[in-house]
Structure formats: structure tokens, C-alpha cells
Amino acid sequence: MTAFLEFWDRVELWLATLPFPIQVFIMLAAGVPLFALVAVPVEKVADVLVHRFRGLVAADSAGTAETGKEVL
């Protein structure tokens, strides 16, 4: 663990000494793929949860006359 922390300290120091536009470019190049790898599974889990909850709501209101539409 100590070796990794020393390595990370060197990387952090190197990145902090670069000009700001280069820092932004490096962080975007590393961050965008990482964010996409996290966002895709989160979206799939959210879709499954929404689908299940909609099924529960539809099952609860199946016998009622209320449709949720506003009558003018």
C-alpha cells in the first residue's frame, strides 16, 4: 500500500504542476470513459426499478376507475 501511495503522490504532484488546460484535458480523457462505465449500469438499474415500481402502482390501481387524466 505504501508503494501505491508514493506512486499516487508523484502522479498528483506531476499533474498539479502542469498548466491548467493540460490538467483539464487529462482529467477529461480519464474521466469521461470512467463516468460512462459508471453511468450505464446505474441507468440500467434505475430502468429496472422504475419498471417494477410502475408495475406495483398499476397493480394497485387496476380495480379503480381513476385513470390519472385530468378532466376539463
C-alpha atoms as a PDB file:
ATOM      1  CA  MET A   1       0.000   0.000   0.000  1.00  0.00           C
ATOM      2  CA  THR A   2       2.863   2.360   0.749  1.00  0.00           C
ATOM      3  CA  ALA A   3       4.272   1.892  -2.741  1.00  0.00           C
ATOM      4  CA  PHE A   4       0.923   2.755  -4.322  1.00  0.00           C
ATOM      5  CA  LEU A   5       0.539   5.859  -2.157  1.00  0.00           C
ATOM      6  CA  GLU A   6       4.027   7.049  -3.071  1.00  0.00           C
ATOM      7  CA  PHE A   7       3.264   6.465  -6.743  1.00  0.00           C
ATOM      8  CA  TRP A   8      -0.026   8.372  -6.427  1.00  0.00           C
ATOM      9  CA  ASP A   9       1.740  11.268  -4.687  1.00  0.00           C
ATOM     10  CA  ARG A  10       4.184  11.518  -7.605  1.00  0.00           C
ATOM     11  CA  VAL A  11       1.348  11.442 -10.149  1.00  0.00           C
ATOM     12  CA  GLU A  12      -0.616  14.067  -8.215  1.00  0.00           C
ATOM     13  CA  LEU A  13       2.411  16.345  -7.936  1.00  0.00           C
ATOM     14  CA  TRP A  14       3.149  15.944 -11.654  1.00  0.00           C
ATOM     15  CA  LEU A  15      -0.465  16.744 -12.571  1.00  0.00           C
ATOM     16  CA  ALA A  16      -0.595  19.765 -10.244  1.00  0.00           C
ATOM     17  CA  THR A  17       2.499  21.281 -11.857  1.00  0.00           C
ATOM     18  CA  LEU A  18       1.049  21.138 -15.386  1.00  0.00           C
ATOM     19  CA  PRO A  19      -0.693  24.146 -16.938  1.00  0.00           C
ATOM     20  CA  PHE A  20      -4.440  24.236 -16.248  1.00  0.00           C
ATOM     21  CA  PRO A  21      -5.658  23.461 -19.828  1.00  0.00           C
ATOM     22  CA  ILE A  22      -3.495  20.341 -19.923  1.00  0.00           C
ATOM     23  CA  GLN A  23      -4.828  19.296 -16.496  1.00  0.00           C
ATOM     24  CA  VAL A  24      -8.393  19.644 -17.778  1.00  0.00           C
ATOM     25  CA  PHE A  25      -7.617  17.641 -20.914  1.00  0.00           C
ATOM     26  CA  ILE A  26      -6.002  14.807 -18.938  1.00  0.00           C
ATOM     27  CA  MET A  27      -8.850  14.665 -16.417  1.00  0.00           C
ATOM     28  CA  LEU A  28     -11.470  14.621 -19.189  1.00  0.00           C
ATOM     29  CA  ALA A  29      -9.576  11.926 -21.095  1.00  0.00           C
ATOM     30  CA  ALA A  30      -9.538   9.774 -17.966  1.00  0.00           C
ATOM     31  CA  GLY A  31     -12.885  10.880 -16.514  1.00  0.00           C
ATOM     32  CA  VAL A  32     -15.293  10.609 -19.437  1.00  0.00           C
ATOM     33  CA  PRO A  33     -14.740   6.863 -20.012  1.00  0.00           C
ATOM     34  CA  LEU A  34     -14.895   6.254 -16.251  1.00  0.00           C
ATOM     35  CA  PHE A  35     -18.127   8.248 -15.945  1.00  0.00           C
ATOM     36  CA  ALA A  36     -19.629   6.319 -18.867  1.00  0.00           C
ATOM     37  CA  LEU A  37     -18.678   2.992 -17.267  1.00  0.00           C
ATOM     38  CA  VAL A  38     -20.490   4.055 -14.106  1.00  0.00           C
ATOM     39  CA  ALA A  39     -23.474   5.760 -15.781  1.00  0.00           C
ATOM     40  CA  VAL A  40     -24.527   2.830 -17.982  1.00  0.00           C
ATOM     41  CA  PRO A  41     -25.068   0.323 -15.135  1.00  0.00           C
ATOM     42  CA  VAL A  42     -26.721   2.992 -12.958  1.00  0.00           C
ATOM     43  CA  GLU A  43     -29.146   3.780 -15.779  1.00  0.00           C
ATOM     44  CA  LYS A  44     -29.966   0.094 -16.285  1.00  0.00           C
ATOM     45  CA  VAL A  45     -30.639  -0.390 -12.554  1.00  0.00           C
ATOM     46  CA  ALA A  46     -32.807   2.750 -12.496  1.00  0.00           C
ATOM     47  CA  ASP A  47     -34.802   1.495 -15.506  1.00  0.00           C
ATOM     48  CA  VAL A  48     -35.438  -1.852 -13.793  1.00  0.00           C
ATOM     49  CA  LEU A  49     -36.517  -0.148 -10.549  1.00  0.00           C
ATOM     50  CA  VAL A  50     -38.853   2.287 -12.365  1.00  0.00           C
ATOM     51  CA  HIS A  51     -40.378  -0.572 -14.348  1.00  0.00           C
ATOM     52  CA  ARG A  52     -41.001  -2.593 -11.148  1.00  0.00           C
ATOM     53  CA  PHE A  53     -42.497   0.359  -9.274  1.00  0.00           C
ATOM     54  CA  ARG A  54     -44.763   1.185 -12.209  1.00  0.00           C
ATOM     55  CA  GLY A  55     -45.923  -2.423 -12.135  1.00  0.00           C
ATOM     56  CA  LEU A  56     -46.741  -2.112  -8.441  1.00  0.00           C
ATOM     57  CA  VAL A  57     -48.692   1.106  -8.987  1.00  0.00           C
ATOM     58  CA  ALA A  58     -50.569  -0.380 -11.939  1.00  0.00           C
ATOM     59  CA  ALA A  59     -51.438  -3.475  -9.881  1.00  0.00           C
ATOM     60  CA  ASP A  60     -52.764  -1.331  -7.010  1.00  0.00           C
ATOM     61  CA  SER A  61     -54.968   0.842  -9.196  1.00  0.00           C
ATOM     62  CA  ALA A  62     -56.208  -1.886 -11.557  1.00  0.00           C
ATOM     63  CA  GLY A  63     -59.667  -2.040  -9.953  1.00  0.00           C
ATOM     64  CA  THR A  64     -60.261   1.692  -9.661  1.00  0.00           C
ATOM     65  CA  ALA A  65     -61.908   3.986 -12.180  1.00  0.00           C
ATOM     66  CA  GLU A  66     -59.316   6.733 -11.794  1.00  0.00           C
ATOM     67  CA  THR A  67     -57.046   6.943 -14.831  1.00  0.00           C
ATOM     68  CA  GLY A  68     -54.863   9.819 -13.699  1.00  0.00           C
ATOM     69  CA  LYS A  69     -56.089  12.010 -16.555  1.00  0.00           C
ATOM     70  CA  GLU A  70     -57.396  15.468 -15.784  1.00  0.00           C
ATOM     71  CA  VAL A  71     -60.989  16.105 -16.801  1.00  0.00           C
ATOM     72  CA  LEU A  72     -61.665  19.584 -18.152  1.00  0.00           C
END
